[in-house]
Amino acid sequence: MSEKSTTKPPIWFWIVSILALLWNLMGVMAYLGQAYMTDEMKAEYTAEQLALMESTPAWVTAAFAIAVWGGLLGCLALLLRKKWARPVLILSLIGIVVQMGHSFFMTNAAEVYGQVQGIITPLLVIIIAIALVQFARIAEKRNWIS
């Protein structure tokens, strides 16, 4: 029984993987900040923003959790050079699409948060998640992960 050998990845693989991990850690911090929001933190939001946050269904919060924890785990798998990075990053992407789909099509988030926080940032999150799935696919094809 022969196992497929891995190839040493280039330095840019490590740079991208570390940056991706840091990006996903920011997502985890955003999730934890929302999950454990204090009254002092709530006071920093407008009434409309707070109402929008408080009306978020549990399934959207679950999608958010899957997105951030999956992204973090997927990036750790990249750094550990594990093949399961791609399926976990795909799961994270699905969580992001569900969460942002709710935000784009079932709320007035763009109106409440403005164009940058309501449209541009969510689109950037989706684009980066797609890029990470593709990055993991390339790493797998080039035998950088196994």
N, C-alpha and C. Protein backbone atom coordinates (compact mmCIF):
# COMPACT_ATOMS: atom_id res chain seq x y z
N MET A 1 0.85 -1.17 0.00
CA MET A 1 0.00 0.00 0.00
C MET A 1 0.89 1.23 0.00
N SER A 2 0.74 2.08 -1.00
CA SER A 2 1.58 3.27 -1.08
C SER A 2 0.76 4.52 -0.84
N GLU A 3 1.31 5.37 -0.05
CA GLU A 3 0.66 6.65 0.22
C GLU A 3 1.23 7.70 -0.70
N LYS A 4 0.38 8.64 -1.08
CA LYS A 4 0.83 9.74 -1.92
C LYS A 4 1.73 10.64 -1.07
N SER A 5 2.93 10.89 -1.55
CA SER A 5 3.85 11.72 -0.78
C SER A 5 3.51 13.19 -0.97
N THR A 6 3.82 13.96 0.03
CA THR A 6 3.58 15.40 -0.05
C THR A 6 4.83 16.10 -0.54
N THR A 7 4.57 17.24 -1.16
CA THR A 7 5.63 18.09 -1.66
C THR A 7 5.77 19.27 -0.72
N LYS A 8 6.99 19.71 -0.54
CA LYS A 8 7.21 20.87 0.32
C LYS A 8 6.54 22.09 -0.31
N PRO A 9 5.64 22.75 0.43
CA PRO A 9 4.97 23.93 -0.13
C PRO A 9 5.90 25.14 -0.18
N PRO A 10 5.63 26.05 -1.10
CA PRO A 10 6.44 27.27 -1.18
C PRO A 10 6.14 28.19 0.01
N ILE A 11 6.99 29.15 0.21
CA ILE A 11 6.84 30.07 1.34
C ILE A 11 5.52 30.82 1.29
N TRP A 12 5.04 31.13 0.08
CA TRP A 12 3.78 31.87 -0.01
C TRP A 12 2.60 31.06 0.49
N PHE A 13 2.70 29.71 0.46
CA PHE A 13 1.65 28.86 1.04
C PHE A 13 1.51 29.16 2.53
N TRP A 14 2.65 29.26 3.21
CA TRP A 14 2.65 29.53 4.66
C TRP A 14 2.15 30.94 4.95
N ILE A 15 2.56 31.88 4.13
CA ILE A 15 2.11 33.27 4.33
C ILE A 15 0.60 33.37 4.16
N VAL A 16 0.07 32.81 3.09
CA VAL A 16 -1.37 32.84 2.85
C VAL A 16 -2.11 32.11 3.97
N SER A 17 -1.61 30.97 4.38
CA SER A 17 -2.26 30.19 5.44
C SER A 17 -2.30 30.95 6.77
N ILE A 18 -1.20 31.60 7.10
CA ILE A 18 -1.16 32.38 8.35
C ILE A 18 -2.09 33.59 8.26
N LEU A 19 -2.07 34.30 7.13
CA LEU A 19 -2.99 35.44 6.97
C LEU A 19 -4.44 34.98 7.03
N ALA A 20 -4.73 33.82 6.43
CA ALA A 20 -6.09 33.28 6.46
C ALA A 20 -6.50 32.93 7.89
N LEU A 21 -5.56 32.37 8.64
CA LEU A 21 -5.84 32.04 10.04
C LEU A 21 -6.15 33.32 10.83
N LEU A 22 -5.36 34.36 10.62
CA LEU A 22 -5.60 35.63 11.31
C LEU A 22 -6.95 36.23 10.91
N TRP A 23 -7.28 36.16 9.62
CA TRP A 23 -8.58 36.64 9.13
C TRP A 23 -9.72 35.90 9.83
N ASN A 24 -9.59 34.59 9.92
CA ASN A 24 -10.64 33.80 10.56
C ASN A 24 -10.68 34.00 12.07
N LEU A 25 -9.55 34.30 12.68
CA LEU A 25 -9.56 34.65 14.11
C LEU A 25 -10.36 35.94 14.34
N MET A 26 -10.27 36.88 13.38
CA MET A 26 -11.09 38.09 13.49
C MET A 26 -12.57 37.74 13.41
N GLY A 27 -12.92 36.78 12.57
CA GLY A 27 -14.30 36.31 12.49
C GLY A 27 -14.76 35.68 13.78
N VAL A 28 -13.89 34.88 14.39
CA VAL A 28 -14.22 34.26 15.68
C VAL A 28 -14.44 35.35 16.74
N MET A 29 -13.58 36.37 16.73
CA MET A 29 -13.74 37.46 17.70
C MET A 29 -15.07 38.21 17.47
N ALA A 30 -15.43 38.40 16.21
CA ALA A 30 -16.72 39.05 15.91
C ALA A 30 -17.87 38.19 16.41
N TYR A 31 -17.77 36.89 16.21
CA TYR A 31 -18.83 35.98 16.68
C TYR A 31 -18.93 36.02 18.20
N LEU A 32 -17.80 35.90 18.88
CA LEU A 32 -17.81 35.91 20.34
C LEU A 32 -18.30 37.26 20.87
N GLY A 33 -17.90 38.35 20.20
CA GLY A 33 -18.37 39.67 20.60
C GLY A 33 -19.87 39.79 20.50
N GLN A 34 -20.44 39.21 19.45
CA GLN A 34 -21.90 39.25 19.29
C GLN A 34 -22.58 38.30 20.27
N ALA A 35 -22.01 37.12 20.48
CA ALA A 35 -22.62 36.13 21.36
C ALA A 35 -22.60 36.57 22.83
N TYR A 36 -21.58 37.30 23.21
CA TYR A 36 -21.42 37.71 24.61
C TYR A 36 -21.46 39.23 24.76
N MET A 37 -22.33 39.86 24.00
CA MET A 37 -22.43 41.33 24.00
C MET A 37 -22.93 41.84 25.36
N THR A 38 -22.18 42.76 25.92
CA THR A 38 -22.56 43.36 27.19
C THR A 38 -23.47 44.57 26.96
N ASP A 39 -24.06 45.05 28.02
CA ASP A 39 -24.91 46.25 27.91
C ASP A 39 -24.10 47.46 27.45
N GLU A 40 -22.84 47.53 27.88
CA GLU A 40 -21.99 48.63 27.44
C GLU A 40 -21.75 48.57 25.94
N MET A 41 -21.56 47.37 25.42
CA MET A 41 -21.36 47.20 23.98
C MET A 41 -22.65 47.53 23.22
N LYS A 42 -23.77 47.11 23.76
CA LYS A 42 -25.06 47.39 23.12
C LYS A 42 -25.32 48.89 23.03
N ALA A 43 -24.83 49.63 24.00
CA ALA A 43 -25.05 51.08 24.03
C ALA A 43 -24.35 51.79 22.87
N GLU A 44 -23.37 51.13 22.24
CA GLU A 44 -22.64 51.73 21.13
C GLU A 44 -23.39 51.64 19.80
N TYR A 45 -24.48 50.87 19.77
CA TYR A 45 -25.25 50.68 18.54
C TYR A 45 -26.47 51.57 18.52
N THR A 46 -26.94 51.86 17.31
CA THR A 46 -28.21 52.61 17.19
C THR A 46 -29.35 51.67 17.54
N ALA A 47 -30.52 52.23 17.78
CA ALA A 47 -31.69 51.41 18.09
C ALA A 47 -32.02 50.48 16.93
N GLU A 48 -31.85 50.96 15.70
CA GLU A 48 -32.15 50.14 14.52
C GLU A 48 -31.16 48.98 14.41
N GLN A 49 -29.88 49.24 14.66
CA GLN A 49 -28.87 48.19 14.58
C GLN A 49 -29.12 47.14 15.65
N LEU A 50 -29.44 47.58 16.86
CA LEU A 50 -29.70 46.67 17.96
C LEU A 50 -30.94 45.83 17.68
N ALA A 51 -31.98 46.44 17.14
CA ALA A 51 -33.21 45.70 16.81
C ALA A 51 -32.92 44.64 15.75
N LEU A 52 -32.11 44.99 14.77
CA LEU A 52 -31.76 44.04 13.72
C LEU A 52 -30.98 42.86 14.30
N MET A 53 -30.00 43.15 15.16
CA MET A 53 -29.22 42.08 15.78
C MET A 53 -30.08 41.18 16.65
N GLU A 54 -30.96 41.80 17.42
CA GLU A 54 -31.79 41.02 18.34
C GLU A 54 -32.87 40.20 17.64
N SER A 55 -33.18 40.55 16.40
CA SER A 55 -34.18 39.79 15.65
C SER A 55 -33.57 38.69 14.79
N THR A 56 -32.28 38.49 14.90
CA THR A 56 -31.61 37.46 14.11
C THR A 56 -32.06 36.08 14.58
N PRO A 57 -32.57 35.26 13.64
CA PRO A 57 -33.02 33.91 14.01
C PRO A 57 -31.85 33.03 14.46
N ALA A 58 -32.17 32.02 15.26
CA ALA A 58 -31.15 31.11 15.77
C ALA A 58 -30.42 30.39 14.65
N TRP A 59 -31.11 30.06 13.55
CA TRP A 59 -30.46 29.34 12.46
C TRP A 59 -29.39 30.20 11.78
N VAL A 60 -29.56 31.52 11.79
CA VAL A 60 -28.56 32.42 11.22
C VAL A 60 -27.35 32.49 12.16
N THR A 61 -27.61 32.55 13.45
CA THR A 61 -26.52 32.54 14.43
C THR A 61 -25.75 31.22 14.34
N ALA A 62 -26.45 30.11 14.13
CA ALA A 62 -25.79 28.81 13.96
C ALA A 62 -24.93 28.81 12.69
N ALA A 63 -25.44 29.40 11.61
CA ALA A 63 -24.66 29.51 10.37
C ALA A 63 -23.40 30.35 10.60
N PHE A 64 -23.54 31.43 11.37
CA PHE A 64 -22.40 32.29 11.71
C PHE A 64 -21.36 31.47 12.47
N ALA A 65 -21.81 30.68 13.44
CA ALA A 65 -20.89 29.85 14.22
C ALA A 65 -20.18 28.84 13.33
N ILE A 66 -20.92 28.17 12.46
CA ILE A 66 -20.31 27.20 11.54
C ILE A 66 -19.30 27.89 10.64
N ALA A 67 -19.65 29.09 10.17
CA ALA A 67 -18.76 29.84 9.28
C ALA A 67 -17.43 30.16 9.96
N VAL A 68 -17.49 30.73 11.15
CA VAL A 68 -16.24 31.18 11.78
C VAL A 68 -15.42 30.04 12.35
N TRP A 69 -16.06 29.09 13.03
CA TRP A 69 -15.30 27.99 13.61
C TRP A 69 -14.80 27.05 12.52
N GLY A 70 -15.59 26.87 11.46
CA GLY A 70 -15.13 26.08 10.31
C GLY A 70 -13.96 26.73 9.63
N GLY A 71 -14.02 28.05 9.45
CA GLY A 71 -12.92 28.77 8.84
C GLY A 71 -11.65 28.65 9.66
N LEU A 72 -11.78 28.80 10.97
CA LEU A 72 -10.62 28.68 11.85
C LEU A 72 -10.03 27.27 11.78
N LEU A 73 -10.88 26.27 11.87
CA LEU A 73 -10.42 24.88 11.82
C LEU A 73 -9.80 24.55 10.46
N GLY A 74 -10.43 25.05 9.39
CA GLY A 74 -9.89 24.81 8.05
C GLY A 74 -8.51 25.42 7.86
N CYS A 75 -8.32 26.61 8.40
CA CYS A 75 -7.01 27.27 8.29
C CYS A 75 -5.96 26.57 9.15
N LEU A 76 -6.37 26.08 10.31
CA LEU A 76 -5.44 25.28 11.12
C LEU A 76 -5.05 24.01 10.37
N ALA A 77 -6.02 23.41 9.68
CA ALA A 77 -5.72 22.20 8.89
C ALA A 77 -4.74 22.52 7.76
N LEU A 78 -4.88 23.68 7.14
CA LEU A 78 -3.91 24.08 6.12
C LEU A 78 -2.51 24.16 6.72
N LEU A 79 -2.40 24.80 7.87
CA LEU A 79 -1.09 24.94 8.51
C LEU A 79 -0.52 23.59 8.94
N LEU A 80 -1.41 22.64 9.25
CA LEU A 80 -0.98 21.29 9.61
C LEU A 80 -0.81 20.41 8.37
N ARG A 81 -1.10 21.01 7.20
CA ARG A 81 -0.99 20.34 5.90
C ARG A 81 -1.88 19.10 5.82
N LYS A 82 -3.13 19.28 6.26
CA LYS A 82 -4.10 18.19 6.24
C LYS A 82 -5.11 18.38 5.12
N LYS A 83 -5.43 17.29 4.44
CA LYS A 83 -6.32 17.29 3.29
C LYS A 83 -7.75 17.68 3.67
N TRP A 84 -8.13 17.46 4.92
CA TRP A 84 -9.50 17.77 5.33
C TRP A 84 -9.73 19.27 5.46
N ALA A 85 -8.72 20.07 5.16
CA ALA A 85 -8.90 21.53 5.18
C ALA A 85 -9.98 21.96 4.20
N ARG A 86 -9.96 21.38 3.00
CA ARG A 86 -10.91 21.83 1.97
C ARG A 86 -12.36 21.54 2.35
N PRO A 87 -12.72 20.31 2.78
CA PRO A 87 -14.13 20.11 3.14
C PRO A 87 -14.59 21.00 4.30
N VAL A 88 -13.69 21.25 5.23
CA VAL A 88 -14.05 22.12 6.36
C VAL A 88 -14.22 23.57 5.88
N LEU A 89 -13.36 24.01 4.98
CA LEU A 89 -13.50 25.35 4.42
C LEU A 89 -14.76 25.47 3.56
N ILE A 90 -15.15 24.39 2.89
CA ILE A 90 -16.41 24.38 2.14
C ILE A 90 -17.58 24.53 3.11
N LEU A 91 -17.54 23.82 4.21
CA LEU A 91 -18.59 23.93 5.24
C LEU A 91 -18.66 25.37 5.76
N SER A 92 -17.52 25.97 5.98
CA SER A 92 -17.46 27.37 6.42
C SER A 92 -18.10 28.28 5.38
N LEU A 93 -17.77 28.06 4.10
CA LEU A 93 -18.35 28.85 3.02
C LEU A 93 -19.87 28.71 2.98
N ILE A 94 -20.37 27.51 3.19
CA ILE A 94 -21.83 27.30 3.22
C ILE A 94 -22.44 28.11 4.36
N GLY A 95 -21.81 28.08 5.53
CA GLY A 95 -22.29 28.88 6.66
C GLY A 95 -22.32 30.35 6.34
N ILE A 96 -21.29 30.83 5.66
CA ILE A 96 -21.22 32.25 5.27
C ILE A 96 -22.33 32.60 4.30
N VAL A 97 -22.54 31.75 3.30
CA VAL A 97 -23.58 32.02 2.29
C VAL A 97 -24.96 32.04 2.95
N VAL A 98 -25.22 31.13 3.87
CA VAL A 98 -26.51 31.12 4.57
C VAL A 98 -26.66 32.41 5.39
N GLN A 99 -25.64 32.75 6.16
CA GLN A 99 -25.69 33.95 7.00
C GLN A 99 -25.86 35.21 6.16
N MET A 100 -25.05 35.36 5.13
CA MET A 100 -25.11 36.57 4.31
C MET A 100 -26.36 36.58 3.43
N GLY A 101 -26.83 35.41 3.03
CA GLY A 101 -28.09 35.35 2.29
C GLY A 101 -29.23 35.91 3.11
N HIS A 102 -29.25 35.57 4.38
CA HIS A 102 -30.27 36.14 5.28
C HIS A 102 -30.11 37.65 5.38
N SER A 103 -28.88 38.08 5.55
CA SER A 103 -28.61 39.51 5.69
C SER A 103 -29.00 40.28 4.43
N PHE A 104 -28.65 39.75 3.27
CA PHE A 104 -28.92 40.45 2.00
C PHE A 104 -30.39 40.43 1.61
N PHE A 105 -31.05 39.29 1.79
CA PHE A 105 -32.37 39.10 1.22
C PHE A 105 -33.53 39.09 2.20
N MET A 106 -33.24 39.00 3.49
CA MET A 106 -34.33 38.91 4.47
C MET A 106 -34.31 40.02 5.51
N THR A 107 -33.37 40.95 5.38
CA THR A 107 -33.30 42.07 6.32
C THR A 107 -33.00 43.35 5.55
N ASN A 108 -33.02 44.44 6.27
CA ASN A 108 -32.63 45.73 5.70
C ASN A 108 -31.25 46.14 6.23
N ALA A 109 -30.34 45.17 6.32
CA ALA A 109 -29.01 45.39 6.90
C ALA A 109 -28.24 46.49 6.17
N ALA A 110 -28.35 46.53 4.85
CA ALA A 110 -27.62 47.55 4.08
C ALA A 110 -28.12 48.95 4.46
N GLU A 111 -29.39 49.07 4.69
CA GLU A 111 -29.96 50.36 5.08
C GLU A 111 -29.56 50.73 6.51
N VAL A 112 -29.57 49.74 7.39
CA VAL A 112 -29.29 49.98 8.81
C VAL A 112 -27.79 50.21 9.05
N TYR A 113 -26.94 49.42 8.42
CA TYR A 113 -25.51 49.51 8.68
C TYR A 113 -24.76 50.38 7.67
N GLY A 114 -25.39 50.67 6.55
CA GLY A 114 -24.71 51.43 5.51
C GLY A 114 -24.07 50.51 4.50
N GLN A 115 -23.60 51.10 3.43
CA GLN A 115 -23.09 50.34 2.30
C GLN A 115 -21.84 49.52 2.64
N VAL A 116 -20.91 50.08 3.39
CA VAL A 116 -19.67 49.36 3.68
C VAL A 116 -19.94 48.15 4.56
N GLN A 117 -20.55 48.35 5.71
CA GLN A 117 -20.77 47.25 6.65
C GLN A 117 -21.92 46.36 6.22
N GLY A 118 -22.86 46.88 5.46
CA GLY A 118 -24.03 46.10 5.07
C GLY A 118 -23.89 45.37 3.75
N ILE A 119 -22.98 45.83 2.87
CA ILE A 119 -22.85 45.19 1.55
C ILE A 119 -21.40 44.82 1.24
N ILE A 120 -20.50 45.77 1.30
CA ILE A 120 -19.12 45.54 0.86
C ILE A 120 -18.39 44.52 1.74
N THR A 121 -18.46 44.68 3.04
CA THR A 121 -17.78 43.75 3.94
C THR A 121 -18.33 42.33 3.80
N PRO A 122 -19.66 42.13 3.79
CA PRO A 122 -20.16 40.77 3.59
C PRO A 122 -19.72 40.15 2.25
N LEU A 123 -19.70 40.95 1.18
CA LEU A 123 -19.23 40.43 -0.11
C LEU A 123 -17.76 40.05 -0.04
N LEU A 124 -16.97 40.85 0.66
CA LEU A 124 -15.54 40.55 0.84
C LEU A 124 -15.37 39.23 1.60
N VAL A 125 -16.17 39.01 2.61
CA VAL A 125 -16.11 37.77 3.38
C VAL A 125 -16.40 36.57 2.48
N ILE A 126 -17.42 36.68 1.63
CA ILE A 126 -17.76 35.60 0.70
C ILE A 126 -16.62 35.35 -0.28
N ILE A 127 -16.07 36.40 -0.83
CA ILE A 127 -14.98 36.27 -1.81
C ILE A 127 -13.76 35.61 -1.18
N ILE A 128 -13.41 36.01 0.03
CA ILE A 128 -12.25 35.41 0.70
C ILE A 128 -12.51 33.95 1.01
N ALA A 129 -13.73 33.61 1.42
CA ALA A 129 -14.05 32.21 1.70
C ALA A 129 -13.94 31.35 0.44
N ILE A 130 -14.42 31.87 -0.68
CA ILE A 130 -14.29 31.14 -1.96
C ILE A 130 -12.81 30.98 -2.31
N ALA A 131 -12.04 32.03 -2.13
CA ALA A 131 -10.61 31.98 -2.42
C ALA A 131 -9.90 30.95 -1.54
N LEU A 132 -10.30 30.83 -0.28
CA LEU A 132 -9.68 29.86 0.61
C LEU A 132 -10.00 28.43 0.20
N VAL A 133 -11.23 28.20 -0.24
CA VAL A 133 -11.58 26.86 -0.74
C VAL A 133 -10.73 26.53 -1.97
N GLN A 134 -10.58 27.49 -2.86
CA GLN A 134 -9.75 27.28 -4.06
C GLN A 134 -8.28 27.08 -3.69
N PHE A 135 -7.82 27.85 -2.72
CA PHE A 135 -6.44 27.71 -2.24
C PHE A 135 -6.21 26.30 -1.71
N ALA A 136 -7.15 25.78 -0.93
CA ALA A 136 -7.02 24.42 -0.39
C ALA A 136 -7.06 23.39 -1.52
N ARG A 137 -7.88 23.64 -2.55
CA ARG A 137 -7.95 22.74 -3.70
C ARG A 137 -6.60 22.70 -4.43
N ILE A 138 -6.01 23.86 -4.64
CA ILE A 138 -4.71 23.95 -5.30
C ILE A 138 -3.64 23.25 -4.45
N ALA A 139 -3.66 23.49 -3.15
CA ALA A 139 -2.69 22.86 -2.25
C ALA A 139 -2.82 21.34 -2.30
N GLU A 140 -4.05 20.86 -2.38
CA GLU A 140 -4.27 19.42 -2.47
C GLU A 140 -3.75 18.88 -3.82
N LYS A 141 -4.06 19.57 -4.90
CA LYS A 141 -3.60 19.14 -6.23
C LYS A 141 -2.08 19.11 -6.33
N ARG A 142 -1.43 20.05 -5.69
CA ARG A 142 0.03 20.13 -5.75
C ARG A 142 0.71 19.30 -4.66
N ASN A 143 -0.09 18.53 -3.96
CA ASN A 143 0.40 17.64 -2.89
C ASN A 143 1.10 18.37 -1.75
N TRP A 144 0.66 19.59 -1.49
CA TRP A 144 1.20 20.33 -0.35
C TRP A 144 0.52 19.89 0.93
N ILE A 145 -0.68 19.34 0.78
CA ILE A 145 -1.43 18.83 1.94
C ILE A 145 -1.83 17.38 1.64
N SER A 146 -1.95 16.60 2.69
CA SER A 146 -2.34 15.19 2.48
C SER A 146 -3.21 14.69 3.62
